């Protein structure tokens, strides 16, 4: 997958992760892109450990599920960190 394909995957995966998690998450489209790309990397790494293959093809179901799952994990961690900062 190319660089721009990976960015598009991260942006869409981050947006889907924001829709899946209840409540209001901060950040605009740039934060969504960054968290989505980091989440896609995390999902690909976890997929590589568990399944022996990470993010390979843009139109693969496994790629999308791993990227969205990783984005949900990163978004939850970001929410915990950002939530603590706003209360301090």
N, C-alpha and C. Protein backbone atom coordinates (compact mmCIF):
# COMPACT_ATOMS: atom_id res chain seq x y z
N UNK A 1 0.86 -1.16 0.00
CA UNK A 1 0.00 0.00 0.00
C UNK A 1 0.91 1.23 0.00
N UNK A 2 0.53 2.23 -0.77
CA UNK A 2 1.32 3.43 -0.87
C UNK A 2 1.11 4.37 0.31
N UNK A 3 1.91 5.41 0.34
CA UNK A 3 1.87 6.39 1.43
C UNK A 3 0.52 7.08 1.52
N UNK A 4 0.00 7.56 0.39
CA UNK A 4 -1.28 8.26 0.41
C UNK A 4 -2.44 7.32 0.70
N UNK A 5 -2.32 6.08 0.25
CA UNK A 5 -3.33 5.08 0.58
C UNK A 5 -3.37 4.81 2.08
N UNK A 6 -2.20 4.77 2.69
CA UNK A 6 -2.11 4.55 4.12
C UNK A 6 -2.69 5.74 4.89
N UNK A 7 -2.44 6.98 4.41
CA UNK A 7 -3.03 8.16 5.05
C UNK A 7 -4.55 8.15 4.93
N UNK A 8 -5.05 7.78 3.76
CA UNK A 8 -6.50 7.71 3.57
C UNK A 8 -7.10 6.63 4.46
N UNK A 9 -6.45 5.50 4.54
CA UNK A 9 -6.90 4.42 5.42
C UNK A 9 -6.93 4.90 6.87
N UNK A 10 -5.89 5.60 7.31
CA UNK A 10 -5.84 6.11 8.68
C UNK A 10 -6.92 7.13 8.97
N UNK A 11 -7.19 8.02 8.01
CA UNK A 11 -8.23 9.04 8.20
C UNK A 11 -9.61 8.39 8.32
N UNK A 12 -9.90 7.47 7.44
CA UNK A 12 -11.21 6.81 7.47
C UNK A 12 -11.33 5.92 8.69
N UNK A 13 -10.27 5.17 9.03
CA UNK A 13 -10.31 4.30 10.21
C UNK A 13 -10.48 5.13 11.48
N UNK A 14 -9.79 6.28 11.56
CA UNK A 14 -9.95 7.16 12.72
C UNK A 14 -11.36 7.72 12.83
N UNK A 15 -11.96 8.10 11.70
CA UNK A 15 -13.33 8.61 11.70
C UNK A 15 -14.32 7.53 12.12
N UNK A 16 -14.14 6.32 11.63
CA UNK A 16 -15.02 5.22 12.02
C UNK A 16 -14.85 4.90 13.50
N UNK A 17 -13.62 4.94 14.00
CA UNK A 17 -13.38 4.68 15.42
C UNK A 17 -14.07 5.74 16.27
N UNK A 18 -14.04 7.02 15.83
CA UNK A 18 -14.73 8.07 16.57
C UNK A 18 -16.23 7.84 16.60
N UNK A 19 -16.78 7.30 15.51
CA UNK A 19 -18.21 7.00 15.48
C UNK A 19 -18.57 5.82 16.38
N UNK A 20 -17.66 4.87 16.52
CA UNK A 20 -17.93 3.67 17.32
C UNK A 20 -17.85 3.92 18.83
N UNK A 21 -17.04 4.87 19.24
CA UNK A 21 -16.86 5.13 20.67
C UNK A 21 -17.88 6.16 21.11
N UNK A 22 -18.69 5.83 22.13
CA UNK A 22 -19.69 6.79 22.59
C UNK A 22 -19.06 7.99 23.30
N UNK A 23 -19.76 9.09 23.32
CA UNK A 23 -19.27 10.29 23.97
C UNK A 23 -18.59 11.20 22.98
N UNK A 24 -18.18 12.35 23.49
CA UNK A 24 -17.54 13.33 22.63
C UNK A 24 -16.03 13.24 22.76
N UNK A 25 -15.36 13.06 21.63
CA UNK A 25 -13.91 13.04 21.61
C UNK A 25 -13.43 14.37 21.03
N UNK A 26 -12.38 14.88 21.59
CA UNK A 26 -11.83 16.14 21.10
C UNK A 26 -11.00 15.93 19.85
N UNK A 27 -10.56 17.02 19.30
CA UNK A 27 -9.68 16.95 18.13
C UNK A 27 -10.45 17.12 16.84
N UNK A 28 -9.82 17.72 15.89
CA UNK A 28 -10.41 17.91 14.58
C UNK A 28 -9.97 16.83 13.61
N UNK A 29 -10.00 17.18 12.34
CA UNK A 29 -9.65 16.19 11.32
C UNK A 29 -8.16 15.83 11.37
N UNK A 30 -7.30 16.77 11.76
CA UNK A 30 -5.87 16.46 11.82
C UNK A 30 -5.57 15.45 12.93
N UNK A 31 -6.17 15.65 14.10
CA UNK A 31 -6.00 14.70 15.20
C UNK A 31 -6.58 13.34 14.81
N UNK A 32 -7.72 13.37 14.11
CA UNK A 32 -8.32 12.12 13.63
C UNK A 32 -7.37 11.41 12.68
N UNK A 33 -6.73 12.16 11.78
CA UNK A 33 -5.77 11.57 10.85
C UNK A 33 -4.59 10.97 11.59
N UNK A 34 -4.02 11.71 12.52
CA UNK A 34 -2.85 11.23 13.26
C UNK A 34 -3.21 9.99 14.08
N UNK A 35 -4.33 10.06 14.81
CA UNK A 35 -4.73 8.91 15.63
C UNK A 35 -5.10 7.72 14.75
N UNK A 36 -5.71 7.98 13.61
CA UNK A 36 -6.05 6.89 12.69
C UNK A 36 -4.82 6.22 12.12
N UNK A 37 -3.82 7.00 11.74
CA UNK A 37 -2.59 6.43 11.19
C UNK A 37 -1.84 5.66 12.27
N UNK A 38 -1.75 6.23 13.46
CA UNK A 38 -1.10 5.52 14.57
C UNK A 38 -1.89 4.24 14.90
N UNK A 39 -3.21 4.34 14.88
CA UNK A 39 -4.04 3.17 15.12
C UNK A 39 -3.88 2.12 14.04
N UNK A 40 -3.78 2.55 12.79
CA UNK A 40 -3.56 1.59 11.71
C UNK A 40 -2.21 0.90 11.86
N UNK A 41 -1.20 1.66 12.25
CA UNK A 41 0.11 1.05 12.51
C UNK A 41 0.03 0.04 13.65
N UNK A 42 -0.65 0.42 14.73
CA UNK A 42 -0.82 -0.49 15.87
C UNK A 42 -1.60 -1.73 15.46
N UNK A 43 -2.69 -1.53 14.71
CA UNK A 43 -3.48 -2.67 14.24
C UNK A 43 -2.68 -3.58 13.33
N UNK A 44 -1.87 -2.99 12.45
CA UNK A 44 -1.02 -3.81 11.58
C UNK A 44 0.03 -4.57 12.35
N UNK A 45 0.59 -3.94 13.38
CA UNK A 45 1.59 -4.61 14.21
C UNK A 45 0.96 -5.77 14.98
N UNK A 46 -0.21 -5.52 15.58
CA UNK A 46 -0.91 -6.58 16.32
C UNK A 46 -1.32 -7.70 15.36
N UNK A 47 -1.81 -7.32 14.18
CA UNK A 47 -2.17 -8.33 13.18
C UNK A 47 -0.98 -9.16 12.74
N UNK A 48 0.18 -8.50 12.63
CA UNK A 48 1.38 -9.24 12.28
C UNK A 48 1.78 -10.24 13.35
N UNK A 49 1.58 -9.87 14.61
CA UNK A 49 1.91 -10.78 15.70
C UNK A 49 0.94 -11.95 15.79
N UNK A 50 -0.35 -11.65 15.62
CA UNK A 50 -1.38 -12.69 15.79
C UNK A 50 -1.56 -13.54 14.54
N UNK A 51 -1.69 -12.88 13.39
CA UNK A 51 -2.04 -13.59 12.15
C UNK A 51 -0.86 -13.84 11.23
N UNK A 52 0.28 -13.27 11.52
CA UNK A 52 1.43 -13.43 10.65
C UNK A 52 1.44 -12.50 9.45
N UNK A 53 0.54 -11.54 9.42
CA UNK A 53 0.49 -10.57 8.32
C UNK A 53 -0.24 -9.33 8.78
N UNK A 54 0.24 -8.18 8.40
CA UNK A 54 -0.37 -6.93 8.84
C UNK A 54 -1.25 -6.33 7.76
N UNK A 55 -1.08 -5.03 7.54
CA UNK A 55 -1.86 -4.31 6.56
C UNK A 55 -1.24 -4.52 5.19
N UNK A 56 -1.99 -5.17 4.30
CA UNK A 56 -1.38 -5.51 3.03
C UNK A 56 -2.07 -4.83 1.86
N UNK A 57 -3.34 -4.99 1.69
CA UNK A 57 -4.06 -4.42 0.57
C UNK A 57 -5.10 -3.45 1.07
N UNK A 58 -5.29 -2.36 0.34
CA UNK A 58 -6.23 -1.31 0.76
C UNK A 58 -7.66 -1.84 0.82
N UNK A 59 -8.05 -2.69 -0.10
CA UNK A 59 -9.44 -3.15 -0.17
C UNK A 59 -9.66 -4.50 0.50
N UNK A 60 -8.79 -4.86 1.43
CA UNK A 60 -8.92 -6.11 2.17
C UNK A 60 -9.70 -5.88 3.46
N UNK A 61 -10.63 -6.78 3.76
CA UNK A 61 -11.41 -6.65 5.00
C UNK A 61 -10.51 -6.71 6.22
N UNK A 62 -9.52 -7.58 6.17
CA UNK A 62 -8.62 -7.72 7.31
C UNK A 62 -7.85 -6.42 7.56
N UNK A 63 -7.42 -5.76 6.51
CA UNK A 63 -6.72 -4.49 6.65
C UNK A 63 -7.60 -3.47 7.36
N UNK A 64 -8.85 -3.36 6.92
CA UNK A 64 -9.77 -2.38 7.49
C UNK A 64 -10.12 -2.71 8.94
N UNK A 65 -10.36 -3.97 9.23
CA UNK A 65 -10.69 -4.35 10.61
C UNK A 65 -9.51 -4.11 11.55
N UNK A 66 -8.30 -4.43 11.11
CA UNK A 66 -7.12 -4.18 11.94
C UNK A 66 -6.90 -2.69 12.14
N UNK A 67 -7.07 -1.90 11.09
CA UNK A 67 -6.86 -0.45 11.19
C UNK A 67 -7.90 0.19 12.10
N UNK A 68 -9.16 -0.21 11.97
CA UNK A 68 -10.22 0.35 12.82
C UNK A 68 -10.03 -0.10 14.26
N UNK A 69 -9.70 -1.37 14.47
CA UNK A 69 -9.46 -1.86 15.82
C UNK A 69 -8.30 -1.15 16.49
N UNK A 70 -7.22 -0.96 15.76
CA UNK A 70 -6.09 -0.21 16.31
C UNK A 70 -6.45 1.23 16.59
N UNK A 71 -7.26 1.84 15.73
CA UNK A 71 -7.69 3.22 15.93
C UNK A 71 -8.58 3.37 17.16
N UNK A 72 -9.43 2.39 17.39
CA UNK A 72 -10.28 2.41 18.60
C UNK A 72 -9.39 2.36 19.84
N UNK A 73 -8.39 1.49 19.84
CA UNK A 73 -7.48 1.39 20.99
C UNK A 73 -6.75 2.71 21.21
N UNK A 74 -6.20 3.30 20.14
CA UNK A 74 -5.47 4.56 20.26
C UNK A 74 -6.40 5.68 20.70
N UNK A 75 -7.62 5.71 20.17
CA UNK A 75 -8.57 6.75 20.55
C UNK A 75 -8.98 6.64 22.02
N UNK A 76 -9.13 5.41 22.52
CA UNK A 76 -9.45 5.23 23.95
C UNK A 76 -8.29 5.71 24.82
N UNK A 77 -7.07 5.39 24.43
CA UNK A 77 -5.90 5.85 25.19
C UNK A 77 -5.81 7.36 25.13
N UNK A 78 -6.03 7.95 23.95
CA UNK A 78 -6.00 9.40 23.81
C UNK A 78 -7.07 10.06 24.68
N UNK A 79 -8.24 9.45 24.74
CA UNK A 79 -9.32 9.99 25.57
C UNK A 79 -8.96 9.97 27.04
N UNK A 80 -8.29 8.91 27.48
CA UNK A 80 -7.86 8.84 28.88
C UNK A 80 -6.83 9.90 29.19
N UNK A 81 -5.87 10.08 28.30
CA UNK A 81 -4.81 11.06 28.52
C UNK A 81 -5.36 12.47 28.43
N UNK A 82 -6.14 12.77 27.41
CA UNK A 82 -6.70 14.12 27.23
C UNK A 82 -7.71 14.43 28.32
N UNK A 83 -8.45 13.43 28.79
CA UNK A 83 -9.42 13.64 29.86
C UNK A 83 -8.75 13.99 31.17
N UNK A 84 -7.63 13.37 31.44
CA UNK A 84 -6.90 13.68 32.67
C UNK A 84 -6.31 15.07 32.62
N UNK A 85 -5.82 15.49 31.47
CA UNK A 85 -5.22 16.81 31.35
C UNK A 85 -6.24 17.92 31.56
N UNK A 86 -7.47 17.72 31.09
CA UNK A 86 -8.47 18.77 31.23
C UNK A 86 -8.97 18.90 32.65
N UNK A 87 -8.82 17.89 33.47
CA UNK A 87 -9.27 17.94 34.86
C UNK A 87 -8.20 18.49 35.79
N UNK A 88 -6.98 18.54 35.34
CA UNK A 88 -5.88 18.99 36.21
C UNK A 88 -5.78 20.49 36.23
